[in-house]
Amino acid sequence: MFASITKSLLQLHPFSAHELDLITVRLDTTPLNKGEFLLKAGQVCGGLFFLERGSLVQYRQHDDSDTIDGLYLPGDWVIDNLSFVSRKPALASIAAFEDSTVLGLDVGSIHELIGISPVFFVLGKLLEHNFIGVEGKLSPKSIDEKYVELLTTRPLLFQVFPLKHIASYLQITPETLSRIRSRIK
């Protein structure tokens, strides 16, 4: 059952079988129906989550529209970094775009693991990795370069999410995305 998360953890660090057992025994499995929330804006993010199956979308609501901050597929780690680290309410919500299963490691379990062995400090790299993804959206690359990079590194996003979600994630209008796609084909 934990094959995909174990593989992801081993890419992060060469954990021993015992260390992996210490992690997996603390995981909570959360099934989410389409539209259900993993995290609502205003709640404090209580853990690190691994998307086992399905897809999730992280978004901020505005008066006239939503802004997509994250699009997640199986194998992705999901977290609201700022809320998790600061222990303050999240500005964004994370919801199931389709029926999904999430494996969670709550903050108490993370602290417990670190208390057992400092090797578990490496779990903080998951926060770094998630933050680098957000930083990549803010990089000085042109929008064409960002689109090509997303298409190259995460092609399944284009099969799962509507183009309006991808446009919002890239911080452009759907019309601009359409022009970029036509130009780059």
N, C-alpha and C. Protein backbone atom coordinates (compact mmCIF):
# COMPACT_ATOMS: atom_id res chain seq x y z
N MET A 1 0.82 -1.21 0.00
CA MET A 1 0.00 0.00 0.00
C MET A 1 0.85 1.26 0.00
N PHE A 2 2.02 1.21 0.61
CA PHE A 2 2.85 2.40 0.74
C PHE A 2 3.99 2.43 -0.27
N ALA A 3 3.88 1.69 -1.36
CA ALA A 3 4.97 1.60 -2.33
C ALA A 3 5.32 2.96 -2.93
N SER A 4 4.33 3.74 -3.33
CA SER A 4 4.63 5.02 -4.00
C SER A 4 5.22 6.04 -3.04
N ILE A 5 4.73 6.10 -1.81
CA ILE A 5 5.30 7.06 -0.86
C ILE A 5 6.69 6.62 -0.44
N THR A 6 6.89 5.32 -0.31
CA THR A 6 8.22 4.80 0.04
C THR A 6 9.22 5.17 -1.05
N LYS A 7 8.83 5.01 -2.30
CA LYS A 7 9.70 5.37 -3.43
C LYS A 7 10.04 6.86 -3.37
N SER A 8 9.05 7.70 -3.09
CA SER A 8 9.28 9.14 -3.01
C SER A 8 10.21 9.48 -1.85
N LEU A 9 10.00 8.85 -0.72
CA LEU A 9 10.86 9.09 0.45
C LEU A 9 12.30 8.66 0.18
N LEU A 10 12.46 7.55 -0.54
CA LEU A 10 13.82 7.07 -0.85
C LEU A 10 14.53 7.99 -1.85
N GLN A 11 13.76 8.72 -2.66
CA GLN A 11 14.37 9.71 -3.55
C GLN A 11 14.85 10.93 -2.75
N LEU A 12 14.21 11.15 -1.62
CA LEU A 12 14.58 12.25 -0.74
C LEU A 12 15.83 11.93 0.07
N HIS A 13 15.91 10.65 0.55
CA HIS A 13 17.00 10.25 1.44
C HIS A 13 17.06 8.72 1.47
N PRO A 14 18.24 8.13 1.62
CA PRO A 14 18.33 6.66 1.68
C PRO A 14 17.92 6.12 3.07
N PHE A 15 16.64 6.27 3.39
CA PHE A 15 16.14 5.77 4.67
C PHE A 15 16.32 4.26 4.75
N SER A 16 16.58 3.76 5.94
CA SER A 16 16.64 2.32 6.17
C SER A 16 15.21 1.78 6.20
N ALA A 17 15.06 0.47 6.11
CA ALA A 17 13.73 -0.15 6.18
C ALA A 17 13.07 0.19 7.51
N HIS A 18 13.84 0.19 8.58
CA HIS A 18 13.30 0.52 9.90
C HIS A 18 12.79 1.97 9.94
N GLU A 19 13.58 2.89 9.37
CA GLU A 19 13.18 4.30 9.34
C GLU A 19 11.92 4.50 8.51
N LEU A 20 11.82 3.80 7.39
CA LEU A 20 10.60 3.87 6.57
C LEU A 20 9.40 3.35 7.34
N ASP A 21 9.60 2.27 8.09
CA ASP A 21 8.52 1.74 8.92
C ASP A 21 8.07 2.75 9.96
N LEU A 22 9.03 3.46 10.55
CA LEU A 22 8.70 4.48 11.54
C LEU A 22 7.83 5.60 10.93
N ILE A 23 8.08 5.89 9.67
CA ILE A 23 7.28 6.91 8.98
C ILE A 23 5.90 6.34 8.62
N THR A 24 5.89 5.20 7.94
CA THR A 24 4.61 4.69 7.41
C THR A 24 3.62 4.31 8.50
N VAL A 25 4.10 3.89 9.65
CA VAL A 25 3.18 3.54 10.73
C VAL A 25 2.45 4.78 11.25
N ARG A 26 2.99 5.95 10.99
CA ARG A 26 2.40 7.21 11.47
C ARG A 26 1.51 7.88 10.41
N LEU A 27 1.43 7.31 9.24
CA LEU A 27 0.64 7.92 8.17
C LEU A 27 -0.85 7.73 8.40
N ASP A 28 -1.60 8.77 8.12
CA ASP A 28 -3.06 8.70 8.12
C ASP A 28 -3.53 8.69 6.68
N THR A 29 -4.44 7.80 6.35
CA THR A 29 -5.01 7.74 5.01
C THR A 29 -6.33 8.51 5.00
N THR A 30 -6.44 9.46 4.07
CA THR A 30 -7.65 10.27 3.97
C THR A 30 -8.22 10.17 2.56
N PRO A 31 -9.38 9.54 2.42
CA PRO A 31 -10.04 9.57 1.12
C PRO A 31 -10.81 10.89 0.98
N LEU A 32 -10.74 11.47 -0.20
CA LEU A 32 -11.46 12.72 -0.48
C LEU A 32 -12.32 12.53 -1.72
N ASN A 33 -13.58 12.87 -1.61
CA ASN A 33 -14.44 12.89 -2.79
C ASN A 33 -14.20 14.19 -3.55
N LYS A 34 -14.50 14.18 -4.83
CA LYS A 34 -14.34 15.36 -5.66
C LYS A 34 -15.00 16.56 -4.96
N GLY A 35 -14.24 17.64 -4.84
CA GLY A 35 -14.76 18.85 -4.22
C GLY A 35 -14.52 18.95 -2.72
N GLU A 36 -14.17 17.85 -2.07
CA GLU A 36 -13.90 17.90 -0.63
C GLU A 36 -12.55 18.57 -0.38
N PHE A 37 -12.45 19.19 0.79
CA PHE A 37 -11.25 19.94 1.14
C PHE A 37 -10.27 19.10 1.95
N LEU A 38 -9.00 19.22 1.58
CA LEU A 38 -7.91 18.73 2.41
C LEU A 38 -7.57 19.83 3.42
N LEU A 39 -7.65 21.08 2.95
CA LEU A 39 -7.38 22.25 3.77
C LEU A 39 -8.24 23.39 3.27
N LYS A 40 -8.94 24.06 4.18
CA LYS A 40 -9.72 25.24 3.82
C LYS A 40 -8.96 26.48 4.21
N ALA A 41 -9.09 27.52 3.39
CA ALA A 41 -8.51 28.81 3.75
C ALA A 41 -9.01 29.18 5.14
N GLY A 42 -8.11 29.66 5.97
CA GLY A 42 -8.48 30.00 7.35
C GLY A 42 -8.10 28.94 8.36
N GLN A 43 -7.83 27.71 7.88
CA GLN A 43 -7.36 26.65 8.77
C GLN A 43 -5.83 26.64 8.77
N VAL A 44 -5.26 26.08 9.83
CA VAL A 44 -3.80 25.93 9.89
C VAL A 44 -3.45 24.59 9.26
N CYS A 45 -2.47 24.60 8.37
CA CYS A 45 -2.01 23.36 7.73
C CYS A 45 -1.32 22.50 8.78
N GLY A 46 -1.88 21.33 9.03
CA GLY A 46 -1.42 20.49 10.13
C GLY A 46 -0.46 19.39 9.77
N GLY A 47 0.02 19.34 8.53
CA GLY A 47 0.94 18.26 8.20
C GLY A 47 1.43 18.30 6.78
N LEU A 48 2.22 17.29 6.46
CA LEU A 48 2.71 17.03 5.11
C LEU A 48 1.80 15.98 4.50
N PHE A 49 1.44 16.14 3.25
CA PHE A 49 0.53 15.19 2.61
C PHE A 49 1.14 14.67 1.31
N PHE A 50 0.88 13.42 1.06
CA PHE A 50 1.35 12.76 -0.16
C PHE A 50 0.12 12.30 -0.93
N LEU A 51 0.01 12.71 -2.18
CA LEU A 51 -1.14 12.35 -3.00
C LEU A 51 -0.93 10.96 -3.58
N GLU A 52 -1.68 10.01 -3.08
CA GLU A 52 -1.58 8.61 -3.50
C GLU A 52 -2.32 8.38 -4.82
N ARG A 53 -3.52 8.92 -4.92
CA ARG A 53 -4.29 8.79 -6.17
C ARG A 53 -5.23 9.98 -6.30
N GLY A 54 -5.59 10.28 -7.54
CA GLY A 54 -6.49 11.40 -7.80
C GLY A 54 -5.72 12.66 -8.16
N SER A 55 -6.35 13.80 -7.92
CA SER A 55 -5.71 15.09 -8.18
C SER A 55 -6.30 16.14 -7.24
N LEU A 56 -5.45 17.10 -6.92
CA LEU A 56 -5.84 18.18 -6.01
C LEU A 56 -5.52 19.51 -6.65
N VAL A 57 -6.24 20.53 -6.23
CA VAL A 57 -5.98 21.89 -6.69
C VAL A 57 -5.91 22.80 -5.46
N GLN A 58 -4.90 23.66 -5.45
CA GLN A 58 -4.72 24.63 -4.37
C GLN A 58 -5.05 26.00 -4.95
N TYR A 59 -5.97 26.71 -4.30
CA TYR A 59 -6.42 27.98 -4.88
C TYR A 59 -6.80 28.99 -3.80
N ARG A 60 -6.72 30.26 -4.20
CA ARG A 60 -7.17 31.37 -3.35
C ARG A 60 -8.40 31.98 -4.02
N GLN A 61 -9.44 32.21 -3.21
CA GLN A 61 -10.66 32.80 -3.74
C GLN A 61 -10.59 34.32 -3.67
N HIS A 62 -11.05 34.94 -4.73
CA HIS A 62 -11.16 36.39 -4.81
C HIS A 62 -12.62 36.69 -5.12
N ASP A 63 -13.00 37.94 -5.09
CA ASP A 63 -14.41 38.30 -5.33
C ASP A 63 -14.91 37.81 -6.68
N ASP A 64 -14.08 37.97 -7.72
CA ASP A 64 -14.54 37.66 -9.06
C ASP A 64 -13.94 36.40 -9.67
N SER A 65 -12.92 35.82 -9.03
CA SER A 65 -12.30 34.63 -9.60
C SER A 65 -11.44 33.92 -8.56
N ASP A 66 -10.91 32.78 -8.96
CA ASP A 66 -9.98 32.03 -8.12
C ASP A 66 -8.60 32.10 -8.76
N THR A 67 -7.57 32.07 -7.93
CA THR A 67 -6.19 32.00 -8.41
C THR A 67 -5.64 30.65 -8.01
N ILE A 68 -5.17 29.89 -8.99
CA ILE A 68 -4.63 28.56 -8.75
C ILE A 68 -3.17 28.69 -8.34
N ASP A 69 -2.86 28.17 -7.15
CA ASP A 69 -1.48 28.18 -6.65
C ASP A 69 -0.77 26.85 -6.85
N GLY A 70 -1.53 25.77 -6.95
CA GLY A 70 -0.92 24.46 -7.09
C GLY A 70 -1.84 23.47 -7.76
N LEU A 71 -1.26 22.62 -8.61
CA LEU A 71 -1.97 21.53 -9.26
C LEU A 71 -1.19 20.26 -8.94
N TYR A 72 -1.85 19.29 -8.34
CA TYR A 72 -1.16 18.11 -7.82
C TYR A 72 -1.70 16.82 -8.42
N LEU A 73 -0.76 15.93 -8.71
CA LEU A 73 -1.06 14.61 -9.27
C LEU A 73 -0.46 13.54 -8.36
N PRO A 74 -0.84 12.27 -8.56
CA PRO A 74 -0.28 11.20 -7.73
C PRO A 74 1.25 11.26 -7.70
N GLY A 75 1.79 11.10 -6.49
CA GLY A 75 3.23 11.16 -6.30
C GLY A 75 3.72 12.51 -5.82
N ASP A 76 2.83 13.52 -5.82
CA ASP A 76 3.21 14.86 -5.38
C ASP A 76 3.03 15.00 -3.88
N TRP A 77 3.92 15.79 -3.28
CA TRP A 77 3.77 16.19 -1.88
C TRP A 77 2.99 17.48 -1.87
N VAL A 78 2.05 17.59 -0.95
CA VAL A 78 1.13 18.71 -0.90
C VAL A 78 1.21 19.34 0.49
N ILE A 79 1.37 20.65 0.51
CA ILE A 79 1.44 21.37 1.78
C ILE A 79 1.23 22.85 1.52
N ASP A 80 0.69 23.54 2.49
CA ASP A 80 0.68 24.99 2.45
C ASP A 80 1.88 25.42 3.30
N ASN A 81 2.99 25.69 2.65
CA ASN A 81 4.25 25.96 3.35
C ASN A 81 4.13 27.04 4.41
N LEU A 82 3.60 28.19 4.03
CA LEU A 82 3.55 29.32 4.94
C LEU A 82 2.72 28.99 6.17
N SER A 83 1.57 28.40 5.98
CA SER A 83 0.71 28.04 7.11
C SER A 83 1.37 26.98 7.99
N PHE A 84 1.98 25.99 7.37
CA PHE A 84 2.62 24.90 8.12
C PHE A 84 3.76 25.43 8.99
N VAL A 85 4.62 26.26 8.39
CA VAL A 85 5.80 26.75 9.10
C VAL A 85 5.42 27.80 10.16
N SER A 86 4.54 28.72 9.80
CA SER A 86 4.19 29.81 10.71
C SER A 86 3.13 29.42 11.74
N ARG A 87 2.43 28.30 11.47
CA ARG A 87 1.30 27.86 12.31
C ARG A 87 0.18 28.89 12.30
N LYS A 88 0.06 29.62 11.18
CA LYS A 88 -1.00 30.62 11.00
C LYS A 88 -1.99 30.11 9.96
N PRO A 89 -3.20 30.67 9.94
CA PRO A 89 -4.22 30.21 8.98
C PRO A 89 -3.76 30.33 7.53
N ALA A 90 -4.11 29.33 6.74
CA ALA A 90 -3.78 29.30 5.32
C ALA A 90 -4.60 30.34 4.56
N LEU A 91 -4.00 30.92 3.54
CA LEU A 91 -4.70 31.85 2.67
C LEU A 91 -5.39 31.12 1.52
N ALA A 92 -4.92 29.91 1.24
CA ALA A 92 -5.45 29.13 0.12
C ALA A 92 -6.15 27.87 0.63
N SER A 93 -7.02 27.36 -0.19
CA SER A 93 -7.67 26.08 0.07
C SER A 93 -7.05 25.02 -0.82
N ILE A 94 -7.10 23.78 -0.36
CA ILE A 94 -6.65 22.64 -1.17
C ILE A 94 -7.82 21.68 -1.22
N ALA A 95 -8.30 21.41 -2.44
CA ALA A 95 -9.49 20.57 -2.61
C ALA A 95 -9.23 19.48 -3.64
N ALA A 96 -10.02 18.41 -3.53
CA ALA A 96 -9.92 17.30 -4.48
C ALA A 96 -10.55 17.73 -5.80
N PHE A 97 -9.78 17.67 -6.88
CA PHE A 97 -10.31 17.95 -8.20
C PHE A 97 -11.09 16.74 -8.72
N GLU A 98 -10.70 15.56 -8.24
CA GLU A 98 -11.40 14.31 -8.52
C GLU A 98 -11.26 13.45 -7.28
N ASP A 99 -11.97 12.35 -7.20
CA ASP A 99 -11.85 11.47 -6.05
C ASP A 99 -10.37 11.14 -5.84
N SER A 100 -9.92 11.28 -4.60
CA SER A 100 -8.49 11.18 -4.31
C SER A 100 -8.23 10.46 -3.00
N THR A 101 -7.01 10.02 -2.82
CA THR A 101 -6.55 9.45 -1.55
C THR A 101 -5.25 10.14 -1.19
N VAL A 102 -5.19 10.63 0.04
CA VAL A 102 -4.04 11.37 0.53
C VAL A 102 -3.48 10.66 1.76
N LEU A 103 -2.17 10.55 1.83
CA LEU A 103 -1.49 10.03 3.01
C LEU A 103 -0.89 11.21 3.74
N GLY A 104 -1.19 11.32 5.04
CA GLY A 104 -0.75 12.49 5.79
C GLY A 104 0.15 12.14 6.95
N LEU A 105 1.09 13.02 7.18
CA LEU A 105 1.99 12.91 8.32
C LEU A 105 1.82 14.21 9.10
N ASP A 106 1.10 14.14 10.24
CA ASP A 106 0.80 15.37 10.97
C ASP A 106 2.03 15.92 11.67
N VAL A 107 1.94 17.19 12.04
CA VAL A 107 3.09 17.88 12.63
C VAL A 107 3.56 17.20 13.91
N GLY A 108 2.66 16.66 14.71
CA GLY A 108 3.05 15.94 15.92
C GLY A 108 3.88 14.71 15.60
N SER A 109 3.49 13.98 14.58
CA SER A 109 4.25 12.79 14.16
C SER A 109 5.62 13.17 13.62
N ILE A 110 5.69 14.28 12.92
CA ILE A 110 6.98 14.74 12.40
C ILE A 110 7.92 15.07 13.57
N HIS A 111 7.39 15.77 14.57
CA HIS A 111 8.21 16.10 15.74
C HIS A 111 8.62 14.84 16.49
N GLU A 112 7.71 13.89 16.56
CA GLU A 112 8.02 12.61 17.21
C GLU A 112 9.16 11.90 16.48
N LEU A 113 9.09 11.87 15.15
CA LEU A 113 10.13 11.23 14.36
C LEU A 113 11.49 11.92 14.56
N ILE A 114 11.48 13.24 14.57
CA ILE A 114 12.73 13.99 14.78
C ILE A 114 13.29 13.70 16.17
N GLY A 115 12.40 13.50 17.15
CA GLY A 115 12.83 13.14 18.49
C GLY A 115 13.49 11.77 18.55
N ILE A 116 13.06 10.88 17.66
CA ILE A 116 13.64 9.53 17.60
C ILE A 116 15.03 9.58 16.97
N SER A 117 15.16 10.34 15.88
CA SER A 117 16.44 10.41 15.18
C SER A 117 16.52 11.71 14.36
N PRO A 118 17.67 12.37 14.42
CA PRO A 118 17.84 13.59 13.62
C PRO A 118 17.77 13.34 12.11
N VAL A 119 17.88 12.09 11.68
CA VAL A 119 17.79 11.80 10.25
C VAL A 119 16.46 12.29 9.67
N PHE A 120 15.44 12.38 10.52
CA PHE A 120 14.12 12.78 10.03
C PHE A 120 14.00 14.28 9.78
N PHE A 121 15.05 15.04 10.16
CA PHE A 121 15.07 16.46 9.78
C PHE A 121 15.02 16.60 8.26
N VAL A 122 15.44 15.56 7.55
CA VAL A 122 15.45 15.59 6.09
C VAL A 122 14.04 15.76 5.52
N LEU A 123 13.01 15.46 6.30
CA LEU A 123 11.64 15.68 5.85
C LEU A 123 11.39 17.16 5.53
N GLY A 124 12.18 18.02 6.13
CA GLY A 124 12.09 19.45 5.82
C GLY A 124 12.40 19.76 4.37
N LYS A 125 13.14 18.87 3.72
CA LYS A 125 13.42 19.06 2.28
C LYS A 125 12.14 19.04 1.46
N LEU A 126 11.11 18.36 1.97
CA LEU A 126 9.83 18.35 1.26
C LEU A 126 9.23 19.75 1.23
N LEU A 127 9.42 20.49 2.31
CA LEU A 127 8.97 21.88 2.34
C LEU A 127 9.76 22.70 1.33
N GLU A 128 11.08 22.49 1.30
CA GLU A 128 11.95 23.18 0.35
C GLU A 128 11.52 22.89 -1.08
N HIS A 129 11.30 21.61 -1.37
CA HIS A 129 10.91 21.20 -2.72
C HIS A 129 9.61 21.88 -3.14
N ASN A 130 8.63 21.90 -2.24
CA ASN A 130 7.35 22.54 -2.53
C ASN A 130 7.55 24.04 -2.72
N PHE A 131 8.41 24.65 -1.91
CA PHE A 131 8.67 26.09 -2.02
C PHE A 131 9.37 26.42 -3.33
N ILE A 132 10.29 25.57 -3.75
CA ILE A 132 10.99 25.80 -5.02
C ILE A 132 10.00 25.79 -6.17
N GLY A 133 9.00 24.93 -6.11
CA GLY A 133 7.96 24.91 -7.14
C GLY A 133 7.22 26.22 -7.21
N VAL A 134 6.90 26.80 -6.06
CA VAL A 134 6.23 28.11 -6.01
C VAL A 134 7.17 29.18 -6.53
N GLU A 135 8.44 29.14 -6.11
CA GLU A 135 9.42 30.12 -6.57
C GLU A 135 9.59 30.06 -8.09
N GLY A 136 9.51 28.85 -8.66
CA GLY A 136 9.64 28.70 -10.10
C GLY A 136 8.59 29.48 -10.86
N LYS A 137 7.40 29.56 -10.28
CA LYS A 137 6.33 30.33 -10.91
C LYS A 137 6.66 31.82 -10.91
N LEU A 138 7.47 32.25 -9.95
CA LEU A 138 7.80 33.66 -9.81
C LEU A 138 9.12 34.01 -10.50
N SER A 139 9.75 33.05 -11.16
CA SER A 139 11.05 33.28 -11.78
C SER A 139 10.93 34.27 -12.94
N PRO A 140 12.07 34.85 -13.34
CA PRO A 140 12.04 35.85 -14.41
C PRO A 140 11.91 35.25 -15.82
N LYS A 141 11.66 33.97 -15.94
CA LYS A 141 11.49 33.36 -17.26
C LYS A 141 10.29 33.97 -17.96
N SER A 142 10.34 33.95 -19.28
CA SER A 142 9.19 34.42 -20.06
C SER A 142 8.04 33.44 -19.89
N ILE A 143 6.86 33.88 -20.18
CA ILE A 143 5.69 33.01 -20.03
C ILE A 143 5.79 31.82 -21.00
N ASP A 144 6.37 32.05 -22.18
CA ASP A 144 6.57 30.95 -23.12
C ASP A 144 7.49 29.89 -22.51
N GLU A 145 8.56 30.34 -21.86
CA GLU A 145 9.49 29.41 -21.23
C GLU A 145 8.82 28.65 -20.08
N LYS A 146 8.01 29.36 -19.29
CA LYS A 146 7.30 28.71 -18.18
C LYS A 146 6.32 27.65 -18.71
N TYR A 147 5.64 27.98 -19.80
CA TYR A 147 4.70 27.04 -20.40
C TYR A 147 5.43 25.80 -20.90
N VAL A 148 6.52 26.00 -21.64
CA VAL A 148 7.29 24.87 -22.18
C VAL A 148 7.84 24.02 -21.04
N GLU A 149 8.34 24.67 -20.00
CA GLU A 149 8.87 23.93 -18.85
C GLU A 149 7.78 23.09 -18.20
N LEU A 150 6.60 23.67 -18.02
CA LEU A 150 5.49 22.93 -17.42
C LEU A 150 5.07 21.78 -18.33
N LEU A 151 4.99 22.02 -19.61
CA LEU A 151 4.62 20.99 -20.57
C LEU A 151 5.64 19.86 -20.59
N THR A 152 6.90 20.20 -20.43
CA THR A 152 7.98 19.22 -20.46
C THR A 152 8.08 18.43 -19.15
N THR A 153 7.99 19.14 -18.04
CA THR A 153 8.21 18.48 -16.75
C THR A 153 6.94 17.88 -16.15
N ARG A 154 5.78 18.41 -16.51
CA ARG A 154 4.52 17.93 -15.91
C ARG A 154 3.43 17.77 -16.97
N PRO A 155 3.69 16.99 -18.02
CA PRO A 155 2.72 16.89 -19.12
C PRO A 155 1.36 16.34 -18.70
N LEU A 156 1.31 15.53 -17.65
CA LEU A 156 0.02 14.96 -17.22
C LEU A 156 -0.94 16.03 -16.71
N LEU A 157 -0.42 17.16 -16.27
CA LEU A 157 -1.31 18.24 -15.83
C LEU A 157 -2.28 18.63 -16.94
N PHE A 158 -1.79 18.60 -18.17
CA PHE A 158 -2.59 19.01 -19.32
C PHE A 158 -3.67 17.98 -19.67
N GLN A 159 -3.50 16.76 -19.18
CA GLN A 159 -4.50 15.72 -19.41
C GLN A 159 -5.56 15.69 -18.31
N VAL A 160 -5.23 16.21 -17.14
CA VAL A 160 -6.14 16.12 -16.00
C VAL A 160 -6.92 17.41 -15.77
N PHE A 161 -6.25 18.54 -15.87
CA PHE A 161 -6.86 19.82 -15.51
C PHE A 161 -7.29 20.61 -16.74
N PRO A 162 -8.39 21.36 -16.63
CA PRO A 162 -8.80 22.20 -17.76
C PRO A 162 -7.78 23.32 -17.99
N LEU A 163 -7.73 23.80 -19.21
CA LEU A 163 -6.76 24.82 -19.57
C LEU A 163 -6.94 26.10 -18.75
N LYS A 164 -8.16 26.40 -18.32
CA LYS A 164 -8.35 27.61 -17.51
C LYS A 164 -7.62 27.48 -16.16
N HIS A 165 -7.52 26.25 -15.62
CA HIS A 165 -6.76 26.04 -14.38
C HIS A 165 -5.27 26.21 -14.64
N ILE A 166 -4.80 25.68 -15.75
CA ILE A 166 -3.38 25.78 -16.09
C ILE A 166 -3.02 27.24 -16.35
N ALA A 167 -3.89 27.97 -17.03
CA ALA A 167 -3.65 29.40 -17.28
C ALA A 167 -3.55 30.15 -15.95
N SER A 168 -4.47 29.90 -15.04
CA SER A 168 -4.43 30.56 -13.74
C SER A 168 -3.16 30.20 -12.98
N TYR A 169 -2.78 28.92 -13.04
CA TYR A 169 -1.55 28.46 -12.39
C TYR A 169 -0.33 29.19 -12.95
N LEU A 170 -0.32 29.44 -14.26
CA LEU A 170 0.77 30.17 -14.90
C LEU A 170 0.62 31.69 -14.76
N GLN A 171 -0.48 32.12 -14.15
CA GLN A 171 -0.78 33.52 -13.89
C GLN A 171 -0.98 34.31 -15.18
N ILE A 172 -1.72 33.67 -16.11
CA ILE A 172 -2.07 34.32 -17.37
C ILE A 172 -3.55 34.05 -17.64
N THR A 173 -4.10 34.72 -18.64
CA THR A 173 -5.50 34.48 -19.02
C THR A 173 -5.58 33.25 -19.92
N PRO A 174 -6.74 32.62 -19.98
CA PRO A 174 -6.91 31.49 -20.91
C PRO A 174 -6.62 31.88 -22.36
N GLU A 175 -6.95 33.11 -22.73
CA GLU A 175 -6.70 33.57 -24.09
C GLU A 175 -5.19 33.65 -24.38
N THR A 176 -4.44 34.13 -23.41
CA THR A 176 -2.98 34.20 -23.57
C THR A 176 -2.41 32.79 -23.69
N LEU A 177 -2.90 31.88 -22.88
CA LEU A 177 -2.45 30.49 -22.97
C LEU A 177 -2.74 29.91 -24.34
N SER A 178 -3.92 30.20 -24.86
CA SER A 178 -4.29 29.71 -26.19
C SER A 178 -3.33 30.24 -27.26
N ARG A 179 -2.97 31.52 -27.17
CA ARG A 179 -2.03 32.10 -28.15
C ARG A 179 -0.66 31.46 -28.02
N ILE A 180 -0.21 31.22 -26.78
CA ILE A 180 1.10 30.59 -26.57
C ILE A 180 1.10 29.18 -27.15
N ARG A 181 0.04 28.45 -26.89
CA ARG A 181 -0.05 27.08 -27.41
C ARG A 181 -0.02 27.04 -28.92
N SER A 182 -0.72 27.99 -29.56
CA SER A 182 -0.72 28.05 -31.02
C SER A 182 0.67 28.39 -31.56
N ARG A 183 1.33 29.29 -30.88
CA ARG A 183 2.65 29.74 -31.31
C ARG A 183 3.69 28.64 -31.15
N ILE A 184 3.59 27.85 -30.10
CA ILE A 184 4.64 26.87 -29.77
C ILE A 184 4.41 25.53 -30.46
N LYS A 185 3.24 25.25 -30.95
CA LYS A 185 2.97 23.95 -31.59
C LYS A 185 3.88 23.65 -32.71
